[in-house]
Amino acid sequence: MSKMGKGKSSRVKSEKQLKKGVLFFNVLIIMVVIICAAGVLNNFASVAQRRERLEALEREHNSVRIQNEALRNQIEIGREADQFDEEHAVNVARAHGLRKDSDIIFHISGGGE
């Protein structure tokens, strides 16, 4: 009977070890699933943050672009005004018989003097 008791007890021990192994494997699988789920949630949070940052940068870009266009228009208006002022000053000076410094005046004289 002692042989049967040993056989029964080793069978019970092997079943307990098997149950412990299955339990460990199940816990391991559950831990891997939890870690993967945490990684997925973290990725979703990161994507949402990046999307918000991208939208903020897009709004900032549009604002700067609009300001740049306004400044470019002001510069162009200033250039046109300066051009008009210069042309007006030249026309008024010519009307009064004056000349610009860059105008060349030729004097043709007779050869026998």
N, C-alpha and C. Protein backbone atom coordinates (compact mmCIF):
# COMPACT_ATOMS: atom_id res chain seq x y z
N MET A 1 0.80 -1.18 0.00
CA MET A 1 0.00 0.00 0.00
C MET A 1 0.85 1.25 0.00
N SER A 2 2.00 1.11 0.56
CA SER A 2 2.85 2.28 0.59
C SER A 2 3.26 2.68 -0.82
N LYS A 3 3.38 1.68 -1.70
CA LYS A 3 3.69 2.01 -3.10
C LYS A 3 2.54 2.76 -3.74
N MET A 4 1.33 2.37 -3.40
CA MET A 4 0.17 3.05 -3.97
C MET A 4 0.05 4.46 -3.41
N GLY A 5 0.37 4.63 -2.16
CA GLY A 5 0.31 5.95 -1.53
C GLY A 5 1.32 6.88 -2.15
N LYS A 6 2.53 6.34 -2.44
CA LYS A 6 3.55 7.16 -3.08
C LYS A 6 3.13 7.53 -4.50
N GLY A 7 2.57 6.60 -5.21
CA GLY A 7 2.13 6.86 -6.59
C GLY A 7 1.02 7.89 -6.62
N LYS A 8 0.11 7.77 -5.66
CA LYS A 8 -1.01 8.70 -5.61
C LYS A 8 -0.50 10.09 -5.22
N SER A 9 0.43 10.14 -4.27
CA SER A 9 0.94 11.42 -3.83
C SER A 9 1.79 12.07 -4.92
N SER A 10 2.57 11.33 -5.68
CA SER A 10 3.35 11.92 -6.77
C SER A 10 2.43 12.39 -7.89
N ARG A 11 1.33 11.67 -8.09
CA ARG A 11 0.36 12.10 -9.10
C ARG A 11 -0.30 13.40 -8.67
N VAL A 12 -0.62 13.52 -7.41
CA VAL A 12 -1.23 14.75 -6.89
C VAL A 12 -0.23 15.90 -7.00
N LYS A 13 1.06 15.61 -6.68
CA LYS A 13 2.09 16.64 -6.79
C LYS A 13 2.26 17.08 -8.25
N SER A 14 2.25 16.13 -9.16
CA SER A 14 2.42 16.49 -10.57
C SER A 14 1.20 17.27 -11.07
N GLU A 15 0.01 16.94 -10.57
CA GLU A 15 -1.18 17.71 -10.95
C GLU A 15 -1.11 19.12 -10.38
N LYS A 16 -0.61 19.25 -9.14
CA LYS A 16 -0.46 20.58 -8.55
C LYS A 16 0.57 21.40 -9.31
N GLN A 17 1.69 20.75 -9.69
CA GLN A 17 2.70 21.45 -10.48
C GLN A 17 2.14 21.85 -11.84
N LEU A 18 1.34 20.98 -12.44
CA LEU A 18 0.71 21.28 -13.72
C LEU A 18 -0.23 22.45 -13.58
N LYS A 19 -1.03 22.46 -12.50
CA LYS A 19 -1.95 23.56 -12.25
C LYS A 19 -1.18 24.86 -12.01
N LYS A 20 -0.05 24.77 -11.28
CA LYS A 20 0.78 25.95 -11.06
C LYS A 20 1.36 26.46 -12.38
N GLY A 21 1.79 25.55 -13.23
CA GLY A 21 2.34 25.92 -14.53
C GLY A 21 1.28 26.58 -15.41
N VAL A 22 0.07 26.02 -15.41
CA VAL A 22 -1.03 26.59 -16.20
C VAL A 22 -1.40 27.95 -15.64
N LEU A 23 -1.45 28.06 -14.31
CA LEU A 23 -1.78 29.33 -13.67
C LEU A 23 -0.72 30.38 -14.01
N PHE A 24 0.55 30.01 -13.93
CA PHE A 24 1.63 30.93 -14.28
C PHE A 24 1.52 31.37 -15.73
N PHE A 25 1.25 30.44 -16.63
CA PHE A 25 1.11 30.75 -18.05
C PHE A 25 -0.07 31.69 -18.27
N ASN A 26 -1.19 31.45 -17.58
CA ASN A 26 -2.37 32.32 -17.71
C ASN A 26 -2.06 33.72 -17.19
N VAL A 27 -1.38 33.80 -16.05
CA VAL A 27 -1.02 35.11 -15.50
C VAL A 27 -0.08 35.83 -16.46
N LEU A 28 0.85 35.09 -17.04
CA LEU A 28 1.78 35.68 -18.01
C LEU A 28 1.04 36.24 -19.22
N ILE A 29 0.09 35.48 -19.72
CA ILE A 29 -0.70 35.94 -20.88
C ILE A 29 -1.51 37.17 -20.50
N ILE A 30 -2.10 37.18 -19.32
CA ILE A 30 -2.90 38.32 -18.88
C ILE A 30 -2.00 39.56 -18.74
N MET A 31 -0.81 39.39 -18.22
CA MET A 31 0.12 40.52 -18.07
C MET A 31 0.53 41.07 -19.44
N VAL A 32 0.80 40.19 -20.39
CA VAL A 32 1.16 40.63 -21.74
C VAL A 32 0.01 41.40 -22.37
N VAL A 33 -1.22 40.91 -22.19
CA VAL A 33 -2.39 41.59 -22.75
C VAL A 33 -2.55 42.97 -22.11
N ILE A 34 -2.36 43.05 -20.79
CA ILE A 34 -2.48 44.33 -20.10
C ILE A 34 -1.42 45.31 -20.57
N ILE A 35 -0.18 44.84 -20.73
CA ILE A 35 0.90 45.71 -21.22
C ILE A 35 0.60 46.20 -22.64
N CYS A 36 0.11 45.31 -23.48
CA CYS A 36 -0.24 45.71 -24.86
C CYS A 36 -1.38 46.72 -24.86
N ALA A 37 -2.38 46.50 -24.01
CA ALA A 37 -3.50 47.44 -23.93
C ALA A 37 -3.03 48.80 -23.44
N ALA A 38 -2.12 48.82 -22.46
CA ALA A 38 -1.57 50.09 -21.98
C ALA A 38 -0.80 50.79 -23.09
N GLY A 39 -0.05 50.04 -23.87
CA GLY A 39 0.68 50.63 -25.00
C GLY A 39 -0.25 51.22 -26.03
N VAL A 40 -1.33 50.53 -26.32
CA VAL A 40 -2.31 51.03 -27.30
C VAL A 40 -2.94 52.32 -26.79
N LEU A 41 -3.33 52.35 -25.52
CA LEU A 41 -3.93 53.56 -24.95
C LEU A 41 -2.93 54.72 -24.98
N ASN A 42 -1.68 54.42 -24.68
CA ASN A 42 -0.64 55.46 -24.73
C ASN A 42 -0.48 55.98 -26.15
N ASN A 43 -0.52 55.10 -27.13
CA ASN A 43 -0.41 55.53 -28.53
C ASN A 43 -1.57 56.41 -28.93
N PHE A 44 -2.78 56.05 -28.50
CA PHE A 44 -3.94 56.89 -28.81
C PHE A 44 -3.80 58.26 -28.19
N ALA A 45 -3.30 58.32 -26.96
CA ALA A 45 -3.11 59.60 -26.29
C ALA A 45 -2.04 60.42 -27.03
N SER A 46 -0.97 59.78 -27.44
CA SER A 46 0.09 60.48 -28.17
C SER A 46 -0.42 61.00 -29.51
N VAL A 47 -1.19 60.20 -30.20
CA VAL A 47 -1.74 60.63 -31.50
C VAL A 47 -2.66 61.83 -31.29
N ALA A 48 -3.48 61.79 -30.25
CA ALA A 48 -4.38 62.92 -29.99
C ALA A 48 -3.58 64.18 -29.67
N GLN A 49 -2.53 64.06 -28.88
CA GLN A 49 -1.70 65.22 -28.56
C GLN A 49 -1.01 65.77 -29.81
N ARG A 50 -0.51 64.88 -30.63
CA ARG A 50 0.17 65.33 -31.87
C ARG A 50 -0.82 66.00 -32.81
N ARG A 51 -2.03 65.47 -32.86
CA ARG A 51 -3.05 66.07 -33.73
C ARG A 51 -3.40 67.48 -33.24
N GLU A 52 -3.53 67.64 -31.91
CA GLU A 52 -3.81 68.96 -31.35
C GLU A 52 -2.66 69.92 -31.65
N ARG A 53 -1.44 69.46 -31.49
CA ARG A 53 -0.26 70.30 -31.77
C ARG A 53 -0.21 70.68 -33.24
N LEU A 54 -0.54 69.73 -34.11
CA LEU A 54 -0.55 70.01 -35.54
C LEU A 54 -1.61 71.05 -35.88
N GLU A 55 -2.78 70.96 -35.27
CA GLU A 55 -3.83 71.94 -35.51
C GLU A 55 -3.41 73.32 -35.01
N ALA A 56 -2.75 73.36 -33.84
CA ALA A 56 -2.26 74.64 -33.30
C ALA A 56 -1.22 75.24 -34.24
N LEU A 57 -0.31 74.42 -34.74
CA LEU A 57 0.71 74.91 -35.68
C LEU A 57 0.08 75.39 -36.98
N GLU A 58 -0.96 74.70 -37.43
CA GLU A 58 -1.64 75.11 -38.66
C GLU A 58 -2.32 76.47 -38.47
N ARG A 59 -2.97 76.66 -37.30
CA ARG A 59 -3.59 77.96 -37.02
C ARG A 59 -2.53 79.07 -36.96
N GLU A 60 -1.41 78.77 -36.31
CA GLU A 60 -0.33 79.75 -36.21
C GLU A 60 0.23 80.07 -37.60
N HIS A 61 0.40 79.05 -38.43
CA HIS A 61 0.91 79.26 -39.80
C HIS A 61 -0.05 80.15 -40.59
N ASN A 62 -1.33 79.88 -40.49
CA ASN A 62 -2.31 80.69 -41.22
C ASN A 62 -2.29 82.14 -40.74
N SER A 63 -2.17 82.33 -39.44
CA SER A 63 -2.12 83.68 -38.89
C SER A 63 -0.89 84.43 -39.39
N VAL A 64 0.25 83.78 -39.35
CA VAL A 64 1.50 84.41 -39.81
C VAL A 64 1.44 84.68 -41.32
N ARG A 65 0.84 83.76 -42.06
CA ARG A 65 0.72 83.95 -43.51
C ARG A 65 -0.15 85.17 -43.82
N ILE A 66 -1.25 85.32 -43.09
CA ILE A 66 -2.14 86.47 -43.30
C ILE A 66 -1.42 87.77 -42.94
N GLN A 67 -0.68 87.77 -41.83
CA GLN A 67 0.09 88.96 -41.45
C GLN A 67 1.15 89.27 -42.49
N ASN A 68 1.79 88.24 -43.02
CA ASN A 68 2.82 88.43 -44.04
C ASN A 68 2.22 89.04 -45.30
N GLU A 69 1.05 88.56 -45.70
CA GLU A 69 0.40 89.12 -46.88
C GLU A 69 0.02 90.58 -46.66
N ALA A 70 -0.45 90.91 -45.45
CA ALA A 70 -0.81 92.29 -45.14
C ALA A 70 0.43 93.19 -45.20
N LEU A 71 1.53 92.71 -44.63
CA LEU A 71 2.77 93.50 -44.69
C LEU A 71 3.27 93.66 -46.11
N ARG A 72 3.17 92.60 -46.90
CA ARG A 72 3.59 92.66 -48.30
C ARG A 72 2.75 93.69 -49.06
N ASN A 73 1.45 93.71 -48.79
CA ASN A 73 0.57 94.69 -49.44
C ASN A 73 0.93 96.11 -49.02
N GLN A 74 1.25 96.31 -47.73
CA GLN A 74 1.65 97.64 -47.26
C GLN A 74 2.95 98.08 -47.94
N ILE A 75 3.89 97.17 -48.08
CA ILE A 75 5.15 97.50 -48.74
C ILE A 75 4.91 97.87 -50.20
N GLU A 76 4.05 97.12 -50.87
CA GLU A 76 3.75 97.41 -52.27
C GLU A 76 3.06 98.77 -52.42
N ILE A 77 2.15 99.07 -51.51
CA ILE A 77 1.48 100.38 -51.55
C ILE A 77 2.50 101.49 -51.31
N GLY A 78 3.42 101.26 -50.37
CA GLY A 78 4.48 102.24 -50.10
C GLY A 78 5.37 102.45 -51.31
N ARG A 79 5.73 101.37 -51.99
CA ARG A 79 6.56 101.49 -53.20
C ARG A 79 5.84 102.28 -54.28
N GLU A 80 4.55 101.99 -54.46
CA GLU A 80 3.78 102.72 -55.47
C GLU A 80 3.69 104.19 -55.11
N ALA A 81 3.51 104.48 -53.83
CA ALA A 81 3.44 105.88 -53.39
C ALA A 81 4.78 106.57 -53.61
N ASP A 82 5.87 105.89 -53.30
CA ASP A 82 7.20 106.48 -53.52
C ASP A 82 7.44 106.73 -55.00
N GLN A 83 7.04 105.78 -55.85
CA GLN A 83 7.20 105.94 -57.30
C GLN A 83 6.39 107.14 -57.79
N PHE A 84 5.16 107.25 -57.30
CA PHE A 84 4.31 108.36 -57.70
C PHE A 84 4.92 109.69 -57.24
N ASP A 85 5.42 109.72 -55.99
CA ASP A 85 6.03 110.94 -55.47
C ASP A 85 7.23 111.35 -56.31
N GLU A 86 8.07 110.41 -56.68
CA GLU A 86 9.25 110.73 -57.49
C GLU A 86 8.85 111.24 -58.86
N GLU A 87 7.89 110.55 -59.49
CA GLU A 87 7.45 111.00 -60.81
C GLU A 87 6.82 112.39 -60.73
N HIS A 88 6.06 112.63 -59.69
CA HIS A 88 5.42 113.94 -59.52
C HIS A 88 6.48 115.03 -59.33
N ALA A 89 7.48 114.74 -58.51
CA ALA A 89 8.55 115.74 -58.27
C ALA A 89 9.31 116.04 -59.56
N VAL A 90 9.60 115.01 -60.36
CA VAL A 90 10.32 115.21 -61.63
C VAL A 90 9.47 116.03 -62.58
N ASN A 91 8.18 115.72 -62.67
CA ASN A 91 7.30 116.48 -63.57
C ASN A 91 7.19 117.94 -63.16
N VAL A 92 7.07 118.20 -61.87
CA VAL A 92 6.98 119.59 -61.39
C VAL A 92 8.28 120.32 -61.67
N ALA A 93 9.42 119.64 -61.45
CA ALA A 93 10.71 120.27 -61.71
C ALA A 93 10.87 120.58 -63.19
N ARG A 94 10.49 119.68 -64.05
CA ARG A 94 10.60 119.94 -65.50
C ARG A 94 9.68 121.08 -65.92
N ALA A 95 8.52 121.12 -65.29
CA ALA A 95 7.59 122.20 -65.63
C ALA A 95 8.19 123.56 -65.25
N HIS A 96 9.04 123.61 -64.26
CA HIS A 96 9.67 124.86 -63.83
C HIS A 96 11.05 125.04 -64.45
N GLY A 97 11.41 124.18 -65.38
CA GLY A 97 12.66 124.32 -66.10
C GLY A 97 13.86 123.77 -65.34
N LEU A 98 13.63 122.95 -64.36
CA LEU A 98 14.74 122.38 -63.61
C LEU A 98 15.07 120.99 -64.16
N ARG A 99 16.19 120.46 -63.73
CA ARG A 99 16.57 119.13 -64.20
C ARG A 99 17.08 118.30 -63.04
N LYS A 100 17.09 116.99 -63.23
CA LYS A 100 17.65 116.09 -62.22
C LYS A 100 19.16 116.06 -62.37
N ASP A 101 19.84 115.65 -61.32
CA ASP A 101 21.30 115.58 -61.37
C ASP A 101 21.78 114.59 -62.42
N SER A 102 21.00 113.58 -62.70
CA SER A 102 21.46 112.56 -63.63
C SER A 102 21.21 112.93 -65.09
N ASP A 103 20.46 114.01 -65.32
CA ASP A 103 20.23 114.42 -66.71
C ASP A 103 21.52 115.02 -67.27
N ILE A 104 21.82 114.68 -68.50
CA ILE A 104 23.02 115.19 -69.16
C ILE A 104 22.60 116.30 -70.12
N ILE A 105 23.29 117.43 -70.02
CA ILE A 105 22.99 118.54 -70.90
C ILE A 105 24.14 118.68 -71.88
N PHE A 106 23.80 118.68 -73.16
CA PHE A 106 24.81 118.84 -74.19
C PHE A 106 24.75 120.29 -74.70
N HIS A 107 25.90 120.81 -74.86
CA HIS A 107 26.00 122.15 -75.43
C HIS A 107 26.81 122.02 -76.73
N ILE A 108 26.18 122.38 -77.76
CA ILE A 108 26.84 122.31 -79.06
C ILE A 108 27.29 123.71 -79.42
N SER A 109 28.57 123.78 -79.63
CA SER A 109 29.10 125.10 -79.97
C SER A 109 29.65 125.08 -81.38
N GLY A 110 29.80 126.24 -81.92
CA GLY A 110 30.37 126.35 -83.25
C GLY A 110 31.87 126.10 -83.20
N GLY A 111 32.46 125.68 -84.30
CA GLY A 111 33.85 125.29 -84.30
C GLY A 111 34.82 126.44 -84.47
N GLY A 112 34.42 127.63 -84.82
CA GLY A 112 35.36 128.66 -85.14
C GLY A 112 35.64 129.63 -84.04
N GLU A 113 35.28 129.50 -82.91
CA GLU A 113 35.51 130.54 -81.91
C GLU A 113 36.85 130.43 -81.37
